[in-house]
Amino acid sequence: MVSTVTATTDAASAQAAMKKSLGMNKDDFMKLFIAQLQYQDPMKPQDPSAMLDQLSQLSLVEQSYNSNTSLNNLLKAQNNSISLTAVSFIGKDVKANGNAASFDGSTPSTLEFSLSLPSAATQLAVVDASGKVVRTTELGANTAGDKVFSWDGRDTSGALLPAGAYTFMVRATDASGKTLPATTYTTGRVDGVNLSGSTPQLSIGATSVALSDVISMGV
């Protein structure tokens, strides 16, 4: 019953779209077609092949509108599914591509990054919302792989910084001073979802990440 109602609604939507775009839909054309047959001169009938060609063209247009309506409905269903998926992330710990760090004013923030090669020297810098480097930490030599740094929310001088959104950068070099690739991640517990844009945004304290950037999710 539900599928029948949906199909009827889709057909009506396609007919309405045709009416708006072309000035007529299939029903209007059939009325015109029948009227044309009724009032044609019996001695000079209309070319039936031309009329059938017109009817065929209208059918193709109708099929195009039906396909477009079905595609739009499919996209809406997909968006609803993505929204439900995003909501299911609330309360879960995630790891995503990015370099955002949220500080709540007291609890240390976990900053994660990865080195593709061993480094002879590694430096991590925390940047505030205005773009100012507020904390620089030397992490020394590191092996390749994922690394974690716990930032206590203090600047280089030891003063406690205000709660808010921060970012961080990692610079790693080898023994010759050559810069090595370093990948940063945004991590934390999701406490909200913003569905107003084209891509759901997961809120992690004062920061947010796109659902499409999430790499992994914890329990």
N, C-alpha and C. Protein backbone atom coordinates (compact mmCIF):
# COMPACT_ATOMS: atom_id res chain seq x y z
N MET A 1 0.84 -1.20 0.00
CA MET A 1 0.00 0.00 0.00
C MET A 1 0.87 1.25 0.00
N VAL A 2 1.94 1.23 0.83
CA VAL A 2 2.82 2.39 0.90
C VAL A 2 3.51 2.64 -0.43
N SER A 3 3.98 1.55 -1.09
CA SER A 3 4.67 1.71 -2.35
C SER A 3 3.73 2.24 -3.43
N THR A 4 2.47 1.84 -3.39
CA THR A 4 1.49 2.32 -4.36
C THR A 4 1.26 3.80 -4.21
N VAL A 5 1.10 4.23 -2.97
CA VAL A 5 0.89 5.65 -2.69
C VAL A 5 2.09 6.46 -3.13
N THR A 6 3.30 5.94 -2.83
CA THR A 6 4.53 6.64 -3.21
C THR A 6 4.64 6.77 -4.72
N ALA A 7 4.34 5.70 -5.44
CA ALA A 7 4.41 5.71 -6.89
C ALA A 7 3.43 6.73 -7.47
N THR A 8 2.21 6.78 -6.90
CA THR A 8 1.21 7.73 -7.36
C THR A 8 1.67 9.16 -7.13
N THR A 9 2.27 9.40 -5.96
CA THR A 9 2.78 10.74 -5.64
C THR A 9 3.91 11.14 -6.57
N ASP A 10 4.81 10.19 -6.87
CA ASP A 10 5.92 10.47 -7.77
C ASP A 10 5.42 10.83 -9.16
N ALA A 11 4.42 10.07 -9.64
CA ALA A 11 3.86 10.33 -10.96
C ALA A 11 3.22 11.71 -11.02
N ALA A 12 2.52 12.06 -9.95
CA ALA A 12 1.87 13.38 -9.89
C ALA A 12 2.91 14.49 -9.90
N SER A 13 4.00 14.26 -9.19
CA SER A 13 5.08 15.26 -9.14
C SER A 13 5.70 15.44 -10.52
N ALA A 14 5.90 14.34 -11.23
CA ALA A 14 6.48 14.41 -12.57
C ALA A 14 5.54 15.14 -13.52
N GLN A 15 4.25 14.85 -13.41
CA GLN A 15 3.26 15.52 -14.26
C GLN A 15 3.24 17.01 -13.99
N ALA A 16 3.31 17.39 -12.72
CA ALA A 16 3.32 18.80 -12.35
C ALA A 16 4.57 19.50 -12.88
N ALA A 17 5.71 18.81 -12.82
CA ALA A 17 6.96 19.38 -13.32
C ALA A 17 6.89 19.60 -14.83
N MET A 18 6.29 18.64 -15.55
CA MET A 18 6.13 18.78 -16.99
C MET A 18 5.23 19.96 -17.32
N LYS A 19 4.14 20.09 -16.56
CA LYS A 19 3.18 21.17 -16.78
C LYS A 19 3.87 22.52 -16.62
N LYS A 20 4.70 22.62 -15.59
CA LYS A 20 5.38 23.89 -15.31
C LYS A 20 6.43 24.20 -16.37
N SER A 21 7.13 23.19 -16.85
CA SER A 21 8.23 23.38 -17.79
C SER A 21 7.75 23.54 -19.23
N LEU A 22 6.78 22.69 -19.65
CA LEU A 22 6.36 22.66 -21.04
C LEU A 22 5.02 23.33 -21.30
N GLY A 23 4.27 23.63 -20.24
CA GLY A 23 2.95 24.22 -20.42
C GLY A 23 1.87 23.18 -20.59
N MET A 24 2.24 21.92 -20.65
CA MET A 24 1.26 20.83 -20.73
C MET A 24 1.90 19.55 -20.23
N ASN A 25 1.03 18.62 -19.79
CA ASN A 25 1.51 17.30 -19.41
C ASN A 25 0.88 16.25 -20.32
N LYS A 26 1.02 14.99 -19.97
CA LYS A 26 0.52 13.92 -20.84
C LYS A 26 -0.99 14.01 -21.01
N ASP A 27 -1.71 14.32 -19.95
CA ASP A 27 -3.17 14.40 -20.04
C ASP A 27 -3.60 15.53 -20.97
N ASP A 28 -2.92 16.67 -20.87
CA ASP A 28 -3.24 17.80 -21.76
C ASP A 28 -2.99 17.42 -23.21
N PHE A 29 -1.90 16.72 -23.46
CA PHE A 29 -1.56 16.33 -24.82
C PHE A 29 -2.60 15.35 -25.38
N MET A 30 -3.05 14.42 -24.55
CA MET A 30 -4.05 13.46 -25.02
C MET A 30 -5.36 14.15 -25.37
N LYS A 31 -5.74 15.15 -24.56
CA LYS A 31 -6.96 15.90 -24.87
C LYS A 31 -6.81 16.62 -26.21
N LEU A 32 -5.63 17.21 -26.41
CA LEU A 32 -5.36 17.91 -27.67
C LEU A 32 -5.33 16.92 -28.83
N PHE A 33 -4.77 15.76 -28.57
CA PHE A 33 -4.66 14.72 -29.59
C PHE A 33 -6.04 14.25 -30.03
N ILE A 34 -6.93 14.02 -29.06
CA ILE A 34 -8.29 13.56 -29.36
C ILE A 34 -9.08 14.64 -30.08
N ALA A 35 -8.92 15.89 -29.61
CA ALA A 35 -9.62 17.00 -30.26
C ALA A 35 -9.15 17.16 -31.70
N GLN A 36 -7.89 16.93 -31.92
CA GLN A 36 -7.33 17.04 -33.27
C GLN A 36 -7.95 15.98 -34.19
N LEU A 37 -8.17 14.77 -33.65
CA LEU A 37 -8.80 13.71 -34.43
C LEU A 37 -10.27 14.02 -34.71
N GLN A 38 -10.94 14.61 -33.71
CA GLN A 38 -12.36 14.90 -33.86
C GLN A 38 -12.64 15.98 -34.92
N TYR A 39 -11.77 16.98 -34.97
CA TYR A 39 -12.05 18.14 -35.82
C TYR A 39 -11.23 18.18 -37.12
N GLN A 40 -10.51 17.13 -37.39
CA GLN A 40 -9.75 17.15 -38.63
C GLN A 40 -10.68 16.95 -39.83
N ASP A 41 -10.25 17.44 -40.94
CA ASP A 41 -11.02 17.30 -42.19
C ASP A 41 -10.92 15.85 -42.66
N PRO A 42 -12.07 15.15 -42.75
CA PRO A 42 -12.03 13.73 -43.19
C PRO A 42 -11.36 13.56 -44.55
N MET A 43 -11.47 14.63 -45.40
CA MET A 43 -10.89 14.54 -46.74
C MET A 43 -9.38 14.81 -46.71
N LYS A 44 -8.94 15.46 -45.64
CA LYS A 44 -7.51 15.76 -45.51
C LYS A 44 -7.04 15.40 -44.10
N PRO A 45 -6.99 14.14 -43.79
CA PRO A 45 -6.60 13.74 -42.43
C PRO A 45 -5.15 14.11 -42.13
N GLN A 46 -4.89 14.30 -40.83
CA GLN A 46 -3.53 14.61 -40.40
C GLN A 46 -2.63 13.41 -40.63
N ASP A 47 -1.37 13.69 -40.82
CA ASP A 47 -0.39 12.63 -41.03
C ASP A 47 -0.27 11.82 -39.74
N PRO A 48 -0.70 10.55 -39.70
CA PRO A 48 -0.67 9.77 -38.46
C PRO A 48 0.75 9.53 -37.95
N SER A 49 1.71 9.44 -38.84
CA SER A 49 3.08 9.20 -38.39
C SER A 49 3.62 10.39 -37.63
N ALA A 50 3.26 11.60 -38.07
CA ALA A 50 3.71 12.81 -37.37
C ALA A 50 3.08 12.89 -35.99
N MET A 51 1.81 12.54 -35.88
CA MET A 51 1.11 12.59 -34.60
C MET A 51 1.69 11.56 -33.63
N LEU A 52 1.96 10.38 -34.16
CA LEU A 52 2.55 9.33 -33.31
C LEU A 52 3.96 9.74 -32.87
N ASP A 53 4.68 10.43 -33.74
CA ASP A 53 6.01 10.91 -33.39
C ASP A 53 5.94 11.92 -32.24
N GLN A 54 4.92 12.80 -32.30
CA GLN A 54 4.73 13.78 -31.22
C GLN A 54 4.41 13.07 -29.91
N LEU A 55 3.54 12.07 -29.98
CA LEU A 55 3.17 11.32 -28.78
C LEU A 55 4.37 10.59 -28.20
N SER A 56 5.21 10.04 -29.09
CA SER A 56 6.41 9.33 -28.65
C SER A 56 7.38 10.28 -27.96
N GLN A 57 7.52 11.49 -28.53
CA GLN A 57 8.42 12.48 -27.92
C GLN A 57 7.93 12.89 -26.53
N LEU A 58 6.62 13.07 -26.38
CA LEU A 58 6.08 13.45 -25.09
C LEU A 58 6.29 12.34 -24.06
N SER A 59 6.16 11.08 -24.52
CA SER A 59 6.37 9.95 -23.61
C SER A 59 7.81 9.92 -23.12
N LEU A 60 8.74 10.25 -24.02
CA LEU A 60 10.14 10.28 -23.63
C LEU A 60 10.40 11.38 -22.60
N VAL A 61 9.74 12.54 -22.81
CA VAL A 61 9.88 13.64 -21.85
C VAL A 61 9.32 13.24 -20.50
N GLU A 62 8.16 12.56 -20.52
CA GLU A 62 7.53 12.13 -19.27
C GLU A 62 8.42 11.14 -18.53
N GLN A 63 9.03 10.20 -19.27
CA GLN A 63 9.93 9.23 -18.64
C GLN A 63 11.12 9.94 -18.00
N SER A 64 11.61 11.00 -18.68
CA SER A 64 12.73 11.76 -18.15
C SER A 64 12.37 12.43 -16.84
N TYR A 65 11.16 13.02 -16.78
CA TYR A 65 10.71 13.67 -15.55
C TYR A 65 10.48 12.64 -14.45
N ASN A 66 9.95 11.48 -14.82
CA ASN A 66 9.73 10.42 -13.82
C ASN A 66 11.06 9.95 -13.23
N SER A 67 12.06 9.80 -14.11
CA SER A 67 13.38 9.36 -13.65
C SER A 67 14.00 10.41 -12.73
N ASN A 68 13.83 11.69 -13.10
CA ASN A 68 14.38 12.77 -12.29
C ASN A 68 13.72 12.82 -10.92
N THR A 69 12.40 12.61 -10.89
CA THR A 69 11.67 12.61 -9.61
C THR A 69 12.12 11.44 -8.73
N SER A 70 12.29 10.28 -9.35
CA SER A 70 12.74 9.10 -8.58
C SER A 70 14.14 9.31 -8.04
N LEU A 71 15.00 9.95 -8.86
CA LEU A 71 16.37 10.21 -8.42
C LEU A 71 16.39 11.18 -7.25
N ASN A 72 15.55 12.22 -7.32
CA ASN A 72 15.47 13.17 -6.21
C ASN A 72 15.00 12.50 -4.93
N ASN A 73 14.03 11.60 -5.06
CA ASN A 73 13.54 10.87 -3.88
C ASN A 73 14.62 9.97 -3.31
N LEU A 74 15.42 9.38 -4.20
CA LEU A 74 16.51 8.51 -3.75
C LEU A 74 17.56 9.33 -3.00
N LEU A 75 17.87 10.53 -3.53
CA LEU A 75 18.85 11.40 -2.87
C LEU A 75 18.35 11.85 -1.51
N LYS A 76 17.04 12.14 -1.41
CA LYS A 76 16.48 12.53 -0.12
C LYS A 76 16.60 11.40 0.89
N ALA A 77 16.31 10.17 0.43
CA ALA A 77 16.41 9.01 1.32
C ALA A 77 17.85 8.80 1.77
N GLN A 78 18.80 9.02 0.83
CA GLN A 78 20.21 8.86 1.17
C GLN A 78 20.64 9.91 2.19
N ASN A 79 20.19 11.16 1.99
CA ASN A 79 20.53 12.22 2.93
C ASN A 79 19.97 11.93 4.31
N ASN A 80 18.74 11.39 4.36
CA ASN A 80 18.15 11.04 5.65
C ASN A 80 18.96 9.95 6.35
N SER A 81 19.45 8.99 5.55
CA SER A 81 20.27 7.91 6.10
C SER A 81 21.58 8.45 6.66
N ILE A 82 22.20 9.40 5.91
CA ILE A 82 23.45 9.99 6.37
C ILE A 82 23.23 10.77 7.66
N SER A 83 22.10 11.48 7.74
CA SER A 83 21.80 12.25 8.94
C SER A 83 21.65 11.34 10.15
N LEU A 84 20.96 10.20 9.96
CA LEU A 84 20.79 9.25 11.05
C LEU A 84 22.14 8.67 11.48
N THR A 85 23.01 8.43 10.49
CA THR A 85 24.34 7.91 10.80
C THR A 85 25.12 8.92 11.62
N ALA A 86 25.02 10.21 11.24
CA ALA A 86 25.74 11.26 11.96
C ALA A 86 25.28 11.35 13.41
N VAL A 87 23.97 11.26 13.62
CA VAL A 87 23.42 11.35 14.98
C VAL A 87 23.93 10.18 15.85
N SER A 88 24.14 9.03 15.22
CA SER A 88 24.61 7.86 15.99
C SER A 88 26.02 8.03 16.52
N PHE A 89 26.74 9.06 16.06
CA PHE A 89 28.11 9.30 16.53
C PHE A 89 28.14 10.03 17.87
N ILE A 90 27.03 10.61 18.28
CA ILE A 90 26.99 11.36 19.54
C ILE A 90 27.36 10.44 20.72
N GLY A 91 28.30 10.90 21.53
CA GLY A 91 28.74 10.11 22.67
C GLY A 91 29.88 9.17 22.35
N LYS A 92 30.31 9.14 21.09
CA LYS A 92 31.40 8.24 20.68
C LYS A 92 32.70 9.04 20.48
N ASP A 93 33.82 8.38 20.73
CA ASP A 93 35.13 8.98 20.49
C ASP A 93 35.51 8.75 19.03
N VAL A 94 35.91 9.81 18.33
CA VAL A 94 36.25 9.69 16.92
C VAL A 94 37.65 10.21 16.64
N LYS A 95 38.18 9.76 15.53
CA LYS A 95 39.46 10.22 15.02
C LYS A 95 39.22 10.63 13.57
N ALA A 96 39.58 11.87 13.23
CA ALA A 96 39.28 12.38 11.90
C ALA A 96 40.47 13.13 11.33
N ASN A 97 40.49 13.26 10.02
CA ASN A 97 41.52 14.08 9.39
C ASN A 97 41.32 15.53 9.82
N GLY A 98 42.40 16.20 10.17
CA GLY A 98 42.30 17.59 10.63
C GLY A 98 43.33 17.90 11.69
N ASN A 99 43.30 19.12 12.20
CA ASN A 99 44.28 19.53 13.21
C ASN A 99 43.63 20.39 14.30
N ALA A 100 42.32 20.19 14.51
CA ALA A 100 41.61 20.98 15.51
C ALA A 100 41.80 20.37 16.89
N ALA A 101 41.79 21.25 17.90
CA ALA A 101 41.90 20.82 19.29
C ALA A 101 40.97 21.67 20.13
N SER A 102 40.12 21.03 20.91
CA SER A 102 39.19 21.75 21.76
C SER A 102 39.68 21.68 23.21
N PHE A 103 39.71 22.85 23.87
CA PHE A 103 40.12 22.89 25.28
C PHE A 103 38.96 23.44 26.09
N ASP A 104 38.55 22.69 27.14
CA ASP A 104 37.37 23.09 27.92
C ASP A 104 37.72 23.99 29.11
N GLY A 105 38.99 24.33 29.25
CA GLY A 105 39.40 25.22 30.33
C GLY A 105 40.07 24.51 31.49
N SER A 106 39.99 23.18 31.53
CA SER A 106 40.60 22.44 32.64
C SER A 106 41.15 21.07 32.24
N THR A 107 40.40 20.32 31.44
CA THR A 107 40.82 18.96 31.07
C THR A 107 41.84 18.99 29.93
N PRO A 108 42.98 18.30 30.08
CA PRO A 108 43.98 18.26 29.01
C PRO A 108 43.38 17.73 27.70
N SER A 109 43.85 18.26 26.59
CA SER A 109 43.39 17.84 25.27
C SER A 109 44.39 16.88 24.66
N THR A 110 43.88 15.84 24.02
CA THR A 110 44.76 14.85 23.38
C THR A 110 44.99 15.25 21.93
N LEU A 111 46.25 15.45 21.58
CA LEU A 111 46.62 15.82 20.22
C LEU A 111 47.31 14.62 19.58
N GLU A 112 46.77 14.15 18.47
CA GLU A 112 47.32 12.98 17.81
C GLU A 112 47.91 13.34 16.45
N PHE A 113 49.02 12.69 16.13
CA PHE A 113 49.64 12.87 14.83
C PHE A 113 50.37 11.60 14.44
N SER A 114 50.82 11.54 13.20
CA SER A 114 51.50 10.35 12.71
C SER A 114 52.70 10.74 11.87
N LEU A 115 53.80 10.03 12.07
CA LEU A 115 55.02 10.24 11.28
C LEU A 115 55.22 9.07 10.34
N SER A 116 55.48 9.37 9.08
CA SER A 116 55.69 8.29 8.11
C SER A 116 57.10 7.72 8.20
N LEU A 117 58.03 8.51 8.76
CA LEU A 117 59.43 8.08 8.91
C LEU A 117 59.92 8.49 10.30
N PRO A 118 60.94 7.82 10.82
CA PRO A 118 61.52 8.22 12.12
C PRO A 118 62.09 9.63 12.03
N SER A 119 61.97 10.39 13.10
CA SER A 119 62.48 11.76 13.11
C SER A 119 63.62 11.90 14.11
N ALA A 120 64.51 12.84 13.81
CA ALA A 120 65.59 13.16 14.74
C ALA A 120 65.14 14.27 15.68
N ALA A 121 64.19 15.09 15.21
CA ALA A 121 63.64 16.17 16.03
C ALA A 121 62.17 16.38 15.65
N THR A 122 61.36 16.64 16.65
CA THR A 122 59.93 16.84 16.42
C THR A 122 59.44 17.99 17.27
N GLN A 123 58.72 18.91 16.64
CA GLN A 123 58.20 20.07 17.36
C GLN A 123 56.70 20.18 17.15
N LEU A 124 55.96 20.41 18.24
CA LEU A 124 54.52 20.58 18.17
C LEU A 124 54.15 21.99 18.61
N ALA A 125 53.35 22.68 17.80
CA ALA A 125 52.94 24.05 18.12
C ALA A 125 51.42 24.14 18.19
N VAL A 126 50.92 24.78 19.24
CA VAL A 126 49.48 25.00 19.40
C VAL A 126 49.18 26.44 19.00
N VAL A 127 48.12 26.62 18.22
CA VAL A 127 47.76 27.94 17.69
C VAL A 127 46.36 28.31 18.14
N ASP A 128 46.18 29.57 18.56
CA ASP A 128 44.85 29.99 19.01
C ASP A 128 43.98 30.44 17.83
N ALA A 129 42.76 30.88 18.10
CA ALA A 129 41.81 31.25 17.04
C ALA A 129 42.27 32.42 16.20
N SER A 130 43.14 33.27 16.73
CA SER A 130 43.63 34.43 15.99
C SER A 130 44.83 34.11 15.11
N GLY A 131 45.33 32.85 15.21
CA GLY A 131 46.48 32.45 14.41
C GLY A 131 47.80 32.60 15.12
N LYS A 132 47.77 32.94 16.39
CA LYS A 132 48.99 33.13 17.17
C LYS A 132 49.44 31.81 17.79
N VAL A 133 50.74 31.52 17.67
CA VAL A 133 51.31 30.33 18.30
C VAL A 133 51.40 30.59 19.80
N VAL A 134 50.68 29.80 20.60
CA VAL A 134 50.64 30.02 22.04
C VAL A 134 51.46 29.01 22.83
N ARG A 135 51.79 27.92 22.18
CA ARG A 135 52.55 26.89 22.89
C ARG A 135 53.43 26.13 21.90
N THR A 136 54.71 26.02 22.22
CA THR A 136 55.64 25.25 21.41
C THR A 136 56.32 24.22 22.30
N THR A 137 56.29 22.97 21.88
CA THR A 137 56.87 21.89 22.67
C THR A 137 57.81 21.06 21.81
N GLU A 138 59.03 20.84 22.30
CA GLU A 138 59.99 19.98 21.62
C GLU A 138 59.76 18.54 22.07
N LEU A 139 59.50 17.67 21.12
CA LEU A 139 59.22 16.26 21.44
C LEU A 139 60.41 15.34 21.15
N GLY A 140 61.51 15.92 20.65
CA GLY A 140 62.72 15.12 20.42
C GLY A 140 62.58 14.14 19.27
N ALA A 141 63.40 13.10 19.32
CA ALA A 141 63.38 12.07 18.28
C ALA A 141 62.18 11.15 18.48
N ASN A 142 61.60 10.71 17.38
CA ASN A 142 60.43 9.83 17.44
C ASN A 142 60.51 8.76 16.37
N THR A 143 59.95 7.62 16.69
CA THR A 143 59.86 6.55 15.69
C THR A 143 58.68 6.84 14.77
N ALA A 144 58.61 6.13 13.67
CA ALA A 144 57.50 6.29 12.74
C ALA A 144 56.22 5.72 13.36
N GLY A 145 55.09 6.26 12.94
CA GLY A 145 53.80 5.75 13.44
C GLY A 145 52.99 6.80 14.15
N ASP A 146 51.89 6.36 14.77
CA ASP A 146 50.98 7.27 15.47
C ASP A 146 51.55 7.72 16.81
N LYS A 147 51.38 9.00 17.12
CA LYS A 147 51.87 9.58 18.37
C LYS A 147 50.76 10.36 19.04
N VAL A 148 50.86 10.46 20.36
CA VAL A 148 49.87 11.20 21.15
C VAL A 148 50.57 12.17 22.08
N PHE A 149 50.08 13.41 22.11
CA PHE A 149 50.61 14.41 23.03
C PHE A 149 49.45 14.98 23.84
N SER A 150 49.59 14.99 25.15
CA SER A 150 48.55 15.53 26.03
C SER A 150 48.87 16.99 26.35
N TRP A 151 48.05 17.88 25.81
CA TRP A 151 48.25 19.32 26.04
C TRP A 151 47.41 19.77 27.23
N ASP A 152 48.07 20.39 28.20
CA ASP A 152 47.40 20.79 29.44
C ASP A 152 46.65 22.12 29.36
N GLY A 153 46.60 22.71 28.18
CA GLY A 153 45.88 23.96 28.02
C GLY A 153 46.67 25.19 28.41
N ARG A 154 47.96 25.03 28.63
CA ARG A 154 48.81 26.16 29.04
C ARG A 154 49.68 26.62 27.88
N ASP A 155 50.05 27.91 27.93
CA ASP A 155 50.92 28.45 26.89
C ASP A 155 52.38 28.14 27.22
N THR A 156 53.28 28.65 26.41
CA THR A 156 54.70 28.35 26.59
C THR A 156 55.24 28.82 27.93
N SER A 157 54.66 29.90 28.48
CA SER A 157 55.12 30.43 29.76
C SER A 157 54.48 29.72 30.95
N GLY A 158 53.52 28.83 30.69
CA GLY A 158 52.87 28.10 31.77
C GLY A 158 51.53 28.66 32.20
N ALA A 159 51.07 29.75 31.57
CA ALA A 159 49.79 30.35 31.94
C ALA A 159 48.65 29.55 31.32
N LEU A 160 47.57 29.37 32.11
CA LEU A 160 46.42 28.61 31.63
C LEU A 160 45.64 29.45 30.61
N LEU A 161 45.38 28.86 29.47
CA LEU A 161 44.67 29.56 28.39
C LEU A 161 43.16 29.38 28.54
N PRO A 162 42.37 30.29 27.96
CA PRO A 162 40.92 30.17 28.05
C PRO A 162 40.37 29.01 27.23
N ALA A 163 39.22 28.54 27.62
CA ALA A 163 38.57 27.46 26.89
C ALA A 163 38.23 27.94 25.48
N GLY A 164 38.25 27.04 24.53
CA GLY A 164 37.91 27.41 23.16
C GLY A 164 38.50 26.46 22.14
N ALA A 165 38.45 26.90 20.89
CA ALA A 165 38.95 26.08 19.79
C ALA A 165 40.38 26.48 19.43
N TYR A 166 41.23 25.49 19.30
CA TYR A 166 42.63 25.71 18.93
C TYR A 166 42.99 24.76 17.79
N THR A 167 44.12 24.99 17.17
CA THR A 167 44.66 24.06 16.17
C THR A 167 46.11 23.77 16.55
N PHE A 168 46.68 22.76 15.94
CA PHE A 168 48.07 22.44 16.22
C PHE A 168 48.80 22.01 14.95
N MET A 169 50.10 22.20 14.97
CA MET A 169 50.96 21.84 13.84
C MET A 169 52.13 21.00 14.35
N VAL A 170 52.62 20.11 13.51
CA VAL A 170 53.76 19.27 13.87
C VAL A 170 54.83 19.41 12.80
N ARG A 171 56.04 19.69 13.23
CA ARG A 171 57.18 19.77 12.30
C ARG A 171 58.22 18.75 12.73
N ALA A 172 58.50 17.83 11.81
CA ALA A 172 59.48 16.78 12.10
C ALA A 172 60.62 16.85 11.08
N THR A 173 61.83 16.61 11.53
CA THR A 173 62.99 16.65 10.64
C THR A 173 63.88 15.44 10.89
N ASP A 174 64.65 15.06 9.86
CA ASP A 174 65.59 13.95 10.04
C ASP A 174 66.93 14.51 10.51
N ALA A 175 67.95 13.65 10.55
CA ALA A 175 69.26 14.04 11.08
C ALA A 175 69.92 15.15 10.27
N SER A 176 69.57 15.25 8.99
CA SER A 176 70.17 16.28 8.13
C SER A 176 69.36 17.57 8.14
N GLY A 177 68.24 17.58 8.89
CA GLY A 177 67.42 18.77 8.96
C GLY A 177 66.31 18.82 7.91
N LYS A 178 66.18 17.76 7.15
CA LYS A 178 65.14 17.71 6.12
C LYS A 178 63.77 17.48 6.77
N THR A 179 62.79 18.22 6.32
CA THR A 179 61.44 18.10 6.87
C THR A 179 60.79 16.78 6.45
N LEU A 180 60.18 16.12 7.40
CA LEU A 180 59.51 14.85 7.15
C LEU A 180 57.99 15.04 7.18
N PRO A 181 57.26 14.21 6.42
CA PRO A 181 55.80 14.32 6.41
C PRO A 181 55.22 13.99 7.78
N ALA A 182 54.26 14.81 8.22
CA ALA A 182 53.58 14.56 9.49
C ALA A 182 52.09 14.80 9.28
N THR A 183 51.29 13.83 9.66
CA THR A 183 49.84 13.93 9.50
C THR A 183 49.19 14.17 10.86
N THR A 184 48.34 15.18 10.93
CA THR A 184 47.65 15.48 12.20
C THR A 184 46.20 15.00 12.14
N TYR A 185 45.63 14.80 13.33
CA TYR A 185 44.25 14.32 13.42
C TYR A 185 43.46 15.13 14.45
N THR A 186 42.18 15.24 14.20
CA THR A 186 41.27 15.83 15.18
C THR A 186 40.61 14.68 15.92
N THR A 187 40.71 14.69 17.25
CA THR A 187 40.15 13.59 18.03
C THR A 187 39.28 14.14 19.18
N GLY A 188 38.44 13.28 19.70
CA GLY A 188 37.62 13.68 20.84
C GLY A 188 36.26 13.02 20.83
N ARG A 189 35.47 13.33 21.84
CA ARG A 189 34.12 12.75 21.97
C ARG A 189 33.08 13.66 21.33
N VAL A 190 32.26 13.10 20.47
CA VAL A 190 31.22 13.86 19.78
C VAL A 190 30.10 14.20 20.75
N ASP A 191 29.76 15.49 20.84
CA ASP A 191 28.68 15.90 21.75
C ASP A 191 27.52 16.59 21.03
N GLY A 192 27.57 16.59 19.70
CA GLY A 192 26.47 17.20 18.95
C GLY A 192 26.67 17.03 17.46
N VAL A 193 25.61 17.30 16.70
CA VAL A 193 25.65 17.18 15.24
C VAL A 193 24.95 18.38 14.62
N ASN A 194 25.56 18.96 13.60
CA ASN A 194 24.96 20.08 12.86
C ASN A 194 24.60 19.56 11.47
N LEU A 195 23.30 19.57 11.15
CA LEU A 195 22.82 19.04 9.87
C LEU A 195 22.39 20.14 8.92
N SER A 196 22.73 21.39 9.20
CA SER A 196 22.25 22.50 8.39
C SER A 196 22.94 22.60 7.03
N GLY A 197 24.16 22.09 6.91
CA GLY A 197 24.91 22.18 5.66
C GLY A 197 24.74 20.96 4.78
N SER A 198 25.49 20.92 3.69
CA SER A 198 25.42 19.78 2.77
C SER A 198 26.08 18.54 3.36
N THR A 199 27.02 18.73 4.28
CA THR A 199 27.71 17.62 4.94
C THR A 199 27.53 17.75 6.45
N PRO A 200 27.05 16.71 7.13
CA PRO A 200 26.89 16.78 8.59
C PRO A 200 28.21 17.10 9.28
N GLN A 201 28.14 17.98 10.28
CA GLN A 201 29.31 18.35 11.06
C GLN A 201 29.17 17.80 12.47
N LEU A 202 30.19 17.08 12.93
CA LEU A 202 30.18 16.50 14.26
C LEU A 202 30.87 17.48 15.22
N SER A 203 30.19 17.84 16.28
CA SER A 203 30.76 18.79 17.25
C SER A 203 31.58 18.04 18.30
N ILE A 204 32.78 18.55 18.54
CA ILE A 204 33.66 18.01 19.57
C ILE A 204 34.07 19.19 20.43
N GLY A 205 33.31 19.46 21.46
CA GLY A 205 33.58 20.64 22.26
C GLY A 205 33.41 21.90 21.44
N ALA A 206 34.44 22.74 21.40
CA ALA A 206 34.38 24.00 20.66
C ALA A 206 34.73 23.83 19.19
N THR A 207 35.11 22.63 18.77
CA THR A 207 35.50 22.40 17.38
C THR A 207 34.48 21.47 16.71
N SER A 208 34.66 21.27 15.42
CA SER A 208 33.79 20.37 14.68
C SER A 208 34.55 19.75 13.52
N VAL A 209 34.10 18.59 13.10
CA VAL A 209 34.71 17.91 11.95
C VAL A 209 33.59 17.41 11.03
N ALA A 210 33.88 17.34 9.75
CA ALA A 210 32.90 16.82 8.80
C ALA A 210 32.82 15.31 8.95
N LEU A 211 31.61 14.79 8.82
CA LEU A 211 31.40 13.34 8.94
C LEU A 211 32.28 12.60 7.94
N SER A 212 32.47 13.18 6.76
CA SER A 212 33.27 12.54 5.72
C SER A 212 34.75 12.45 6.07
N ASP A 213 35.21 13.24 7.08
CA ASP A 213 36.62 13.23 7.47
C ASP A 213 36.93 12.21 8.56
N VAL A 214 35.90 11.59 9.12
CA VAL A 214 36.10 10.64 10.21
C VAL A 214 36.80 9.38 9.70
N ILE A 215 37.85 9.00 10.41
CA ILE A 215 38.63 7.82 10.04
C ILE A 215 38.21 6.61 10.85
N SER A 216 38.00 6.83 12.14
CA SER A 216 37.61 5.71 13.01
C SER A 216 36.74 6.22 14.15
N MET A 217 36.02 5.29 14.76
CA MET A 217 35.15 5.62 15.89
C MET A 217 35.31 4.57 16.97
N GLY A 218 35.45 5.05 18.20
CA GLY A 218 35.57 4.14 19.32
C GLY A 218 34.20 3.86 19.95
N VAL A 219 34.18 2.99 20.90
CA VAL A 219 32.93 2.63 21.58
C VAL A 219 32.53 3.75 22.54
